[in-house]
Amino acid sequence: HSELQQLKEVSSVRRVKLQDALESQKVGRVGLSCVS
């Protein structure tokens, strides 16, 4: 149960980081488009 919970927790953390990275890339693309 402990190992499963750890897997779910690190998976949740990675999801948040990927979501942040996705938003950053979208903002960056919009910014580049605005500059152009």
PDB file of all heavy atoms in Angstrom:
ATOM      1  N   HIS A   1       0.827  -1.208   0.000  1.00  0.00           N
ATOM      2  CA  HIS A   1       0.000   0.000   0.000  1.00  0.00           C
ATOM      3  C   HIS A   1       0.864   1.261   0.000  1.00  0.00           C
ATOM      4  O   HIS A   1       0.559   2.246  -0.678  1.00  0.00           O
ATOM      5  CB  HIS A   1      -0.912   0.000   1.224  1.00  0.00           C
ATOM      6  CG  HIS A   1      -2.121  -0.852   1.047  1.00  0.00           C
ATOM      7  ND1 HIS A   1      -2.781  -1.450   2.105  1.00  0.00           N
ATOM      8  CD2 HIS A   1      -2.817  -1.219  -0.060  1.00  0.00           C
ATOM      9  CE1 HIS A   1      -3.813  -2.139   1.655  1.00  0.00           C
ATOM     10  NE2 HIS A   1      -3.845  -2.023   0.351  1.00  0.00           N
ATOM     11  N   SER A   2       1.964   1.223   0.758  1.00  0.00           N
ATOM     12  CA  SER A   2       2.874   2.371   0.835  1.00  0.00           C
ATOM     13  C   SER A   2       3.515   2.656  -0.522  1.00  0.00           C
ATOM     14  O   SER A   2       3.589   3.808  -0.961  1.00  0.00           O
ATOM     15  CB  SER A   2       3.952   2.102   1.888  1.00  0.00           C
ATOM     16  OG  SER A   2       4.890   3.159   1.921  1.00  0.00           O
ATOM     17  N   GLU A   3       3.987   1.607  -1.178  1.00  0.00           N
ATOM     18  CA  GLU A   3       4.633   1.776  -2.488  1.00  0.00           C
ATOM     19  C   GLU A   3       3.643   2.284  -3.532  1.00  0.00           C
ATOM     20  O   GLU A   3       3.978   3.124  -4.370  1.00  0.00           O
ATOM     21  CB  GLU A   3       5.238   0.445  -2.940  1.00  0.00           C
ATOM     22  CG  GLU A   3       6.430  -0.013  -2.123  1.00  0.00           C
ATOM     23  CD  GLU A   3       7.645   0.877  -2.315  1.00  0.00           C
ATOM     24  OE1 GLU A   3       7.813   1.439  -3.411  1.00  0.00           O
ATOM     25  OE2 GLU A   3       8.431   1.020  -1.360  1.00  0.00           O
ATOM     26  N   LEU A   4       2.415   1.771  -3.483  1.00  0.00           N
ATOM     27  CA  LEU A   4       1.388   2.228  -4.420  1.00  0.00           C
ATOM     28  C   LEU A   4       1.071   3.706  -4.184  1.00  0.00           C
ATOM     29  O   LEU A   4       0.944   4.475  -5.138  1.00  0.00           O
ATOM     30  CB  LEU A   4       0.120   1.396  -4.271  1.00  0.00           C
ATOM     31  CG  LEU A   4      -1.069   1.836  -5.141  1.00  0.00           C
ATOM     32  CD1 LEU A   4      -0.730   1.727  -6.632  1.00  0.00           C
ATOM     33  CD2 LEU A   4      -2.316   1.004  -4.817  1.00  0.00           C
ATOM     34  N   GLN A   5       0.959   4.093  -2.917  1.00  0.00           N
ATOM     35  CA  GLN A   5       0.667   5.490  -2.594  1.00  0.00           C
ATOM     36  C   GLN A   5       1.780   6.408  -3.069  1.00  0.00           C
ATOM     37  O   GLN A   5       1.519   7.512  -3.596  1.00  0.00           O
ATOM     38  CB  GLN A   5       0.464   5.637  -1.076  1.00  0.00           C
ATOM     39  CG  GLN A   5       0.035   7.020  -0.626  1.00  0.00           C
ATOM     40  CD  GLN A   5      -1.287   7.454  -1.234  1.00  0.00           C
ATOM     41  OE1 GLN A   5      -2.175   6.631  -1.476  1.00  0.00           O
ATOM     42  NE2 GLN A   5      -1.429   8.744  -1.507  1.00  0.00           N
ATOM     43  N   GLN A   6       3.025   5.976  -2.916  1.00  0.00           N
ATOM     44  CA  GLN A   6       4.160   6.771  -3.388  1.00  0.00           C
ATOM     45  C   GLN A   6       4.113   6.947  -4.899  1.00  0.00           C
ATOM     46  O   GLN A   6       4.382   8.039  -5.418  1.00  0.00           O
ATOM     47  CB  GLN A   6       5.477   6.111  -2.982  1.00  0.00           C
ATOM     48  CG  GLN A   6       5.799   6.215  -1.502  1.00  0.00           C
ATOM     49  CD  GLN A   6       7.113   5.540  -1.154  1.00  0.00           C
ATOM     50  OE1 GLN A   6       8.026   5.447  -1.974  1.00  0.00           O
ATOM     51  NE2 GLN A   6       7.223   5.042   0.069  1.00  0.00           N
ATOM     52  N   LEU A   7       3.769   5.871  -5.603  1.00  0.00           N
ATOM     53  CA  LEU A   7       3.668   5.949  -7.061  1.00  0.00           C
ATOM     54  C   LEU A   7       2.591   6.953  -7.465  1.00  0.00           C
ATOM     55  O   LEU A   7       2.802   7.765  -8.381  1.00  0.00           O
ATOM     56  CB  LEU A   7       3.347   4.570  -7.635  1.00  0.00           C
ATOM     57  CG  LEU A   7       3.099   4.509  -9.152  1.00  0.00           C
ATOM     58  CD1 LEU A   7       4.350   4.936  -9.914  1.00  0.00           C
ATOM     59  CD2 LEU A   7       2.668   3.108  -9.575  1.00  0.00           C
ATOM     60  N   LYS A   8       1.464   6.915  -6.795  1.00  0.00           N
ATOM     61  CA  LYS A   8       0.364   7.835  -7.117  1.00  0.00           C
ATOM     62  C   LYS A   8       0.754   9.281  -6.807  1.00  0.00           C
ATOM     63  O   LYS A   8       0.397  10.208  -7.547  1.00  0.00           O
ATOM     64  CB  LYS A   8      -0.889   7.441  -6.333  1.00  0.00           C
ATOM     65  CG  LYS A   8      -1.479   6.109  -6.808  1.00  0.00           C
ATOM     66  CD  LYS A   8      -2.484   5.538  -5.850  1.00  0.00           C
ATOM     67  CE  LYS A   8      -3.777   6.284  -5.850  1.00  0.00           C
ATOM     68  NZ  LYS A   8      -4.802   5.609  -5.019  1.00  0.00           N
ATOM     69  N   GLU A   9       1.516   9.463  -5.740  1.00  0.00           N
ATOM     70  CA  GLU A   9       1.927  10.817  -5.358  1.00  0.00           C
ATOM     71  C   GLU A   9       2.919  11.415  -6.361  1.00  0.00           C
ATOM     72  O   GLU A   9       2.766  12.568  -6.778  1.00  0.00           O
ATOM     73  CB  GLU A   9       2.533  10.804  -3.956  1.00  0.00           C
ATOM     74  CG  GLU A   9       1.491  10.619  -2.857  1.00  0.00           C
ATOM     75  CD  GLU A   9       2.109  10.472  -1.481  1.00  0.00           C
ATOM     76  OE1 GLU A   9       3.361  10.521  -1.390  1.00  0.00           O
ATOM     77  OE2 GLU A   9       1.362  10.310  -0.505  1.00  0.00           O
ATOM     78  N   VAL A  10       3.936  10.637  -6.736  1.00  0.00           N
ATOM     79  CA  VAL A  10       4.922  11.169  -7.691  1.00  0.00           C
ATOM     80  C   VAL A  10       4.270  11.364  -9.062  1.00  0.00           C
ATOM     81  O   VAL A  10       4.640  12.273  -9.815  1.00  0.00           O
ATOM     82  CB  VAL A  10       6.160  10.250  -7.809  1.00  0.00           C
ATOM     83  CG1 VAL A  10       6.933  10.226  -6.510  1.00  0.00           C
ATOM     84  CG2 VAL A  10       5.792   8.846  -8.245  1.00  0.00           C
ATOM     85  N   SER A  11       3.299  10.523  -9.379  1.00  0.00           N
ATOM     86  CA  SER A  11       2.567  10.683 -10.635  1.00  0.00           C
ATOM     87  C   SER A  11       1.772  11.984 -10.623  1.00  0.00           C
ATOM     88  O   SER A  11       1.718  12.703 -11.628  1.00  0.00           O
ATOM     89  CB  SER A  11       1.623   9.489 -10.845  1.00  0.00           C
ATOM     90  OG  SER A  11       0.853   9.649 -12.012  1.00  0.00           O
ATOM     91  N   SER A  12       1.174  12.293  -9.479  1.00  0.00           N
ATOM     92  CA  SER A  12       0.409  13.529  -9.344  1.00  0.00           C
ATOM     93  C   SER A  12       1.311  14.746  -9.459  1.00  0.00           C
ATOM     94  O   SER A  12       0.955  15.747 -10.110  1.00  0.00           O
ATOM     95  CB  SER A  12      -0.317  13.538  -7.995  1.00  0.00           C
ATOM     96  OG  SER A  12      -1.046  14.735  -7.828  1.00  0.00           O
ATOM     97  N   VAL A  13       2.486  14.670  -8.849  1.00  0.00           N
ATOM     98  CA  VAL A  13       3.455  15.785  -8.917  1.00  0.00           C
ATOM     99  C   VAL A  13       3.900  16.009 -10.361  1.00  0.00           C
ATOM    100  O   VAL A  13       3.989  17.149 -10.823  1.00  0.00           O
ATOM    101  CB  VAL A  13       4.681  15.485  -8.017  1.00  0.00           C
ATOM    102  CG1 VAL A  13       5.797  16.487  -8.282  1.00  0.00           C
ATOM    103  CG2 VAL A  13       4.277  15.524  -6.551  1.00  0.00           C
ATOM    104  N   ARG A  14       4.160  14.919 -11.075  1.00  0.00           N
ATOM    105  CA  ARG A  14       4.601  15.057 -12.468  1.00  0.00           C
ATOM    106  C   ARG A  14       3.488  15.660 -13.327  1.00  0.00           C
ATOM    107  O   ARG A  14       3.769  16.475 -14.212  1.00  0.00           O
ATOM    108  CB  ARG A  14       5.018  13.709 -13.040  1.00  0.00           C
ATOM    109  CG  ARG A  14       5.418  13.790 -14.524  1.00  0.00           C
ATOM    110  CD  ARG A  14       6.347  12.712 -14.942  1.00  0.00           C
ATOM    111  NE  ARG A  14       6.612  12.719 -16.370  1.00  0.00           N
ATOM    112  CZ  ARG A  14       7.423  13.578 -16.975  1.00  0.00           C
ATOM    113  NH1 ARG A  14       8.042  14.522 -16.287  1.00  0.00           N
ATOM    114  NH2 ARG A  14       7.607  13.515 -18.281  1.00  0.00           N
ATOM    115  N   ARG A  15       2.261  15.292 -13.068  1.00  0.00           N
ATOM    116  CA  ARG A  15       1.146  15.870 -13.828  1.00  0.00           C
ATOM    117  C   ARG A  15       1.121  17.391 -13.652  1.00  0.00           C
ATOM    118  O   ARG A  15       0.963  18.127 -14.624  1.00  0.00           O
ATOM    119  CB  ARG A  15      -0.177  15.264 -13.366  1.00  0.00           C
ATOM    120  CG  ARG A  15      -1.398  16.044 -13.844  1.00  0.00           C
ATOM    121  CD  ARG A  15      -2.676  15.354 -13.488  1.00  0.00           C
ATOM    122  NE  ARG A  15      -3.050  14.401 -14.518  1.00  0.00           N
ATOM    123  CZ  ARG A  15      -3.662  14.740 -15.659  1.00  0.00           C
ATOM    124  NH1 ARG A  15      -3.937  16.005 -15.915  1.00  0.00           N
ATOM    125  NH2 ARG A  15      -3.983  13.829 -16.526  1.00  0.00           N
ATOM    126  N   VAL A  16       1.270  17.858 -12.419  1.00  0.00           N
ATOM    127  CA  VAL A  16       1.261  19.304 -12.145  1.00  0.00           C
ATOM    128  C   VAL A  16       2.410  19.996 -12.880  1.00  0.00           C
ATOM    129  O   VAL A  16       2.224  21.064 -13.484  1.00  0.00           O
ATOM    130  CB  VAL A  16       1.369  19.567 -10.627  1.00  0.00           C
ATOM    131  CG1 VAL A  16       1.571  21.061 -10.351  1.00  0.00           C
ATOM    132  CG2 VAL A  16       0.113  19.074  -9.916  1.00  0.00           C
ATOM    133  N   LYS A  17       3.592  19.390 -12.842  1.00  0.00           N
ATOM    134  CA  LYS A  17       4.757  19.982 -13.518  1.00  0.00           C
ATOM    135  C   LYS A  17       4.555  20.038 -15.030  1.00  0.00           C
ATOM    136  O   LYS A  17       4.925  21.019 -15.682  1.00  0.00           O
ATOM    137  CB  LYS A  17       6.016  19.184 -13.182  1.00  0.00           C
ATOM    138  CG  LYS A  17       6.484  19.355 -11.733  1.00  0.00           C
ATOM    139  CD  LYS A  17       7.762  18.570 -11.469  1.00  0.00           C
ATOM    140  CE  LYS A  17       8.241  18.788 -10.049  1.00  0.00           C
ATOM    141  NZ  LYS A  17       9.494  18.037  -9.767  1.00  0.00           N
ATOM    142  N   LEU A  18       3.971  18.978 -15.578  1.00  0.00           N
ATOM    143  CA  LEU A  18       3.713  18.960 -17.023  1.00  0.00           C
ATOM    144  C   LEU A  18       2.660  20.000 -17.397  1.00  0.00           C
ATOM    145  O   LEU A  18       2.765  20.647 -18.440  1.00  0.00           O
ATOM    146  CB  LEU A  18       3.264  17.568 -17.458  1.00  0.00           C
ATOM    147  CG  LEU A  18       4.368  16.512 -17.576  1.00  0.00           C
ATOM    148  CD1 LEU A  18       3.765  15.133 -17.805  1.00  0.00           C
ATOM    149  CD2 LEU A  18       5.320  16.859 -18.721  1.00  0.00           C
ATOM    150  N   GLN A  19       1.661  20.165 -16.539  1.00  0.00           N
ATOM    151  CA  GLN A  19       0.636  21.180 -16.800  1.00  0.00           C
ATOM    152  C   GLN A  19       1.248  22.585 -16.783  1.00  0.00           C
ATOM    153  O   GLN A  19       0.918  23.429 -17.623  1.00  0.00           O
ATOM    154  CB  GLN A  19      -0.483  21.076 -15.755  1.00  0.00           C
ATOM    155  CG  GLN A  19      -1.383  19.861 -15.956  1.00  0.00           C
ATOM    156  CD  GLN A  19      -2.391  19.677 -14.846  1.00  0.00           C
ATOM    157  OE1 GLN A  19      -2.181  20.122 -13.718  1.00  0.00           O
ATOM    158  NE2 GLN A  19      -3.495  19.016 -15.148  1.00  0.00           N
ATOM    159  N   ASP A  20       2.150  22.819 -15.808  1.00  0.00           N
ATOM    160  CA  ASP A  20       2.843  24.113 -15.736  1.00  0.00           C
ATOM    161  C   ASP A  20       3.706  24.331 -16.974  1.00  0.00           C
ATOM    162  O   ASP A  20       3.734  25.435 -17.537  1.00  0.00           O
ATOM    163  CB  ASP A  20       3.719  24.183 -14.481  1.00  0.00           C
ATOM    164  CG  ASP A  20       2.897  24.290 -13.206  1.00  0.00           C
ATOM    165  OD1 ASP A  20       1.700  24.617 -13.313  1.00  0.00           O
ATOM    166  OD2 ASP A  20       3.452  24.050 -12.117  1.00  0.00           O
ATOM    167  N   ALA A  21       4.419  23.267 -17.384  1.00  0.00           N
ATOM    168  CA  ALA A  21       5.274  23.368 -18.569  1.00  0.00           C
ATOM    169  C   ALA A  21       4.436  23.629 -19.811  1.00  0.00           C
ATOM    170  O   ALA A  21       4.829  24.409 -20.693  1.00  0.00           O
ATOM    171  CB  ALA A  21       6.091  22.091 -18.738  1.00  0.00           C
ATOM    172  N   LEU A  22       3.280  22.999 -19.870  1.00  0.00           N
ATOM    173  CA  LEU A  22       2.384  23.183 -21.019  1.00  0.00           C
ATOM    174  C   LEU A  22       1.888  24.621 -21.087  1.00  0.00           C
ATOM    175  O   LEU A  22       1.887  25.236 -22.164  1.00  0.00           O
ATOM    176  CB  LEU A  22       1.201  22.210 -20.899  1.00  0.00           C
ATOM    177  CG  LEU A  22       0.249  22.132 -22.094  1.00  0.00           C
ATOM    178  CD1 LEU A  22       0.990  21.684 -23.349  1.00  0.00           C
ATOM    179  CD2 LEU A  22      -0.902  21.174 -21.794  1.00  0.00           C
ATOM    180  N   GLU A  23       1.511  25.167 -19.945  1.00  0.00           N
ATOM    181  CA  GLU A  23       1.042  26.560 -19.902  1.00  0.00           C
ATOM    182  C   GLU A  23       2.166  27.513 -20.278  1.00  0.00           C
ATOM    183  O   GLU A  23       1.945  28.496 -20.999  1.00  0.00           O
ATOM    184  CB  GLU A  23       0.510  26.892 -18.505  1.00  0.00           C
ATOM    185  CG  GLU A  23      -0.782  26.194 -18.150  1.00  0.00           C
ATOM    186  CD  GLU A  23      -1.903  26.520 -19.125  1.00  0.00           C
ATOM    187  OE1 GLU A  23      -2.039  27.696 -19.507  1.00  0.00           O
ATOM    188  OE2 GLU A  23      -2.629  25.588 -19.529  1.00  0.00           O
ATOM    189  N   SER A  24       3.373  27.229 -19.798  1.00  0.00           N
ATOM    190  CA  SER A  24       4.526  28.083 -20.118  1.00  0.00           C
ATOM    191  C   SER A  24       4.811  28.090 -21.613  1.00  0.00           C
ATOM    192  O   SER A  24       5.098  29.142 -22.209  1.00  0.00           O
ATOM    193  CB  SER A  24       5.765  27.596 -19.366  1.00  0.00           C
ATOM    194  OG  SER A  24       5.598  27.729 -17.978  1.00  0.00           O
ATOM    195  N   GLN A  25       4.755  26.908 -22.217  1.00  0.00           N
ATOM    196  CA  GLN A  25       4.998  26.819 -23.658  1.00  0.00           C
ATOM    197  C   GLN A  25       3.917  27.555 -24.448  1.00  0.00           C
ATOM    198  O   GLN A  25       4.211  28.212 -25.460  1.00  0.00           O
ATOM    199  CB  GLN A  25       5.058  25.347 -24.091  1.00  0.00           C
ATOM    200  CG  GLN A  25       6.285  24.591 -23.597  1.00  0.00           C
ATOM    201  CD  GLN A  25       7.568  25.077 -24.230  1.00  0.00           C
ATOM    202  OE1 GLN A  25       7.563  25.756 -25.256  1.00  0.00           O
ATOM    203  NE2 GLN A  25       8.703  24.757 -23.605  1.00  0.00           N
ATOM    204  N   LYS A  26       2.675  27.475 -23.978  1.00  0.00           N
ATOM    205  CA  LYS A  26       1.584  28.184 -24.659  1.00  0.00           C
ATOM    206  C   LYS A  26       1.764  29.688 -24.544  1.00  0.00           C
ATOM    207  O   LYS A  26       1.594  30.426 -25.525  1.00  0.00           O
ATOM    208  CB  LYS A  26       0.239  27.774 -24.055  1.00  0.00           C
ATOM    209  CG  LYS A  26      -0.218  26.383 -24.450  1.00  0.00           C
ATOM    210  CD  LYS A  26      -1.563  26.052 -23.813  1.00  0.00           C
ATOM    211  CE  LYS A  26      -2.055  24.665 -24.239  1.00  0.00           C
ATOM    212  NZ  LYS A  26      -3.353  24.320 -23.596  1.00  0.00           N
ATOM    213  N   VAL A  27       2.120  30.142 -23.347  1.00  0.00           N
ATOM    214  CA  VAL A  27       2.366  31.581 -23.146  1.00  0.00           C
ATOM    215  C   VAL A  27       3.540  32.035 -23.993  1.00  0.00           C
ATOM    216  O   VAL A  27       3.508  33.108 -24.603  1.00  0.00           O
ATOM    217  CB  VAL A  27       2.632  31.875 -21.651  1.00  0.00           C
ATOM    218  CG1 VAL A  27       3.124  33.300 -21.463  1.00  0.00           C
ATOM    219  CG2 VAL A  27       1.378  31.651 -20.836  1.00  0.00           C
ATOM    220  N   GLY A  28       4.574  31.234 -24.033  1.00  0.00           N
ATOM    221  CA  GLY A  28       5.752  31.575 -24.831  1.00  0.00           C
ATOM    222  C   GLY A  28       5.419  31.681 -26.308  1.00  0.00           C
ATOM    223  O   GLY A  28       5.888  32.597 -26.998  1.00  0.00           O
ATOM    224  N   ARG A  29       4.587  30.754 -26.790  1.00  0.00           N
ATOM    225  CA  ARG A  29       4.200  30.800 -28.208  1.00  0.00           C
ATOM    226  C   ARG A  29       3.351  32.030 -28.496  1.00  0.00           C
ATOM    227  O   ARG A  29       3.540  32.691 -29.517  1.00  0.00           O
ATOM    228  CB  ARG A  29       3.445  29.529 -28.584  1.00  0.00           C
ATOM    229  CG  ARG A  29       2.956  29.529 -30.018  1.00  0.00           C
ATOM    230  CD  ARG A  29       2.449  28.169 -30.466  1.00  0.00           C
ATOM    231  NE  ARG A  29       3.539  27.225 -30.645  1.00  0.00           N
ATOM    232  CZ  ARG A  29       3.385  26.022 -31.219  1.00  0.00           C
ATOM    233  NH1 ARG A  29       2.194  25.637 -31.642  1.00  0.00           N
ATOM    234  NH2 ARG A  29       4.414  25.203 -31.348  1.00  0.00           N
ATOM    235  N   VAL A  30       2.437  32.351 -27.576  1.00  0.00           N
ATOM    236  CA  VAL A  30       1.603  33.546 -27.763  1.00  0.00           C
ATOM    237  C   VAL A  30       2.469  34.796 -27.731  1.00  0.00           C
ATOM    238  O   VAL A  30       2.297  35.717 -28.538  1.00  0.00           O
ATOM    239  CB  VAL A  30       0.514  33.624 -26.663  1.00  0.00           C
ATOM    240  CG1 VAL A  30      -0.193  34.978 -26.711  1.00  0.00           C
ATOM    241  CG2 VAL A  30      -0.483  32.512 -26.843  1.00  0.00           C
ATOM    242  N   GLY A  31       3.439  34.849 -26.796  1.00  0.00           N
ATOM    243  CA  GLY A  31       4.339  36.002 -26.701  1.00  0.00           C
ATOM    244  C   GLY A  31       5.157  36.176 -27.961  1.00  0.00           C
ATOM    245  O   GLY A  31       5.335  37.296 -28.456  1.00  0.00           O
ATOM    246  N   LEU A  32       5.666  35.061 -28.486  1.00  0.00           N
ATOM    247  CA  LEU A  32       6.456  35.118 -29.715  1.00  0.00           C
ATOM    248  C   LEU A  32       5.603  35.599 -30.873  1.00  0.00           C
ATOM    249  O   LEU A  32       6.050  36.399 -31.714  1.00  0.00           O
ATOM    250  CB  LEU A  32       7.027  33.723 -30.019  1.00  0.00           C
ATOM    251  CG  LEU A  32       7.930  33.607 -31.251  1.00  0.00           C
ATOM    252  CD1 LEU A  32       9.148  34.507 -31.092  1.00  0.00           C
ATOM    253  CD2 LEU A  32       8.354  32.167 -31.474  1.00  0.00           C
ATOM    254  N   SER A  33       4.370  35.138 -30.894  1.00  0.00           N
ATOM    255  CA  SER A  33       3.450  35.571 -31.945  1.00  0.00           C
ATOM    256  C   SER A  33       3.173  37.064 -31.854  1.00  0.00           C
ATOM    257  O   SER A  33       3.139  37.769 -32.850  1.00  0.00           O
ATOM    258  CB  SER A  33       2.147  34.781 -31.834  1.00  0.00           C
ATOM    259  OG  SER A  33       1.210  35.215 -32.795  1.00  0.00           O
ATOM    260  N   CYS A  34       3.017  37.554 -30.598  1.00  0.00           N
ATOM    261  CA  CYS A  34       2.763  38.984 -30.393  1.00  0.00           C
ATOM    262  C   CYS A  34       3.953  39.822 -30.819  1.00  0.00           C
ATOM    263  O   CYS A  34       3.812  40.889 -31.434  1.00  0.00           O
ATOM    264  CB  CYS A  34       2.448  39.261 -28.923  1.00  0.00           C
ATOM    265  SG  CYS A  34       0.847  38.637 -28.397  1.00  0.00           S
ATOM    266  N   VAL A  35       5.160  39.343 -30.488  1.00  0.00           N
ATOM    267  CA  VAL A  35       6.374  40.062 -30.880  1.00  0.00           C
ATOM    268  C   VAL A  35       6.479  40.128 -32.393  1.00  0.00           C
ATOM    269  O   VAL A  35       6.811  41.165 -32.976  1.00  0.00           O
ATOM    270  CB  VAL A  35       7.624  39.370 -30.285  1.00  0.00           C
ATOM    271  CG1 VAL A  35       8.889  39.946 -30.902  1.00  0.00           C
ATOM    272  CG2 VAL A  35       7.649  39.554 -28.776  1.00  0.00           C
ATOM    273  N   SER A  36       6.176  39.027 -33.050  1.00  0.00           N
ATOM    274  CA  SER A  36       6.236  38.988 -34.512  1.00  0.00           C
ATOM    275  C   SER A  36       5.232  39.949 -35.121  1.00  0.00           C
ATOM    276  O   SER A  36       5.531  40.679 -36.071  1.00  0.00           O
ATOM    277  CB  SER A  36       5.970  37.563 -35.010  1.00  0.00           C
ATOM    278  OG  SER A  36       6.940  36.674 -34.517  1.00  0.00           O
TER     279      SER A  36
END
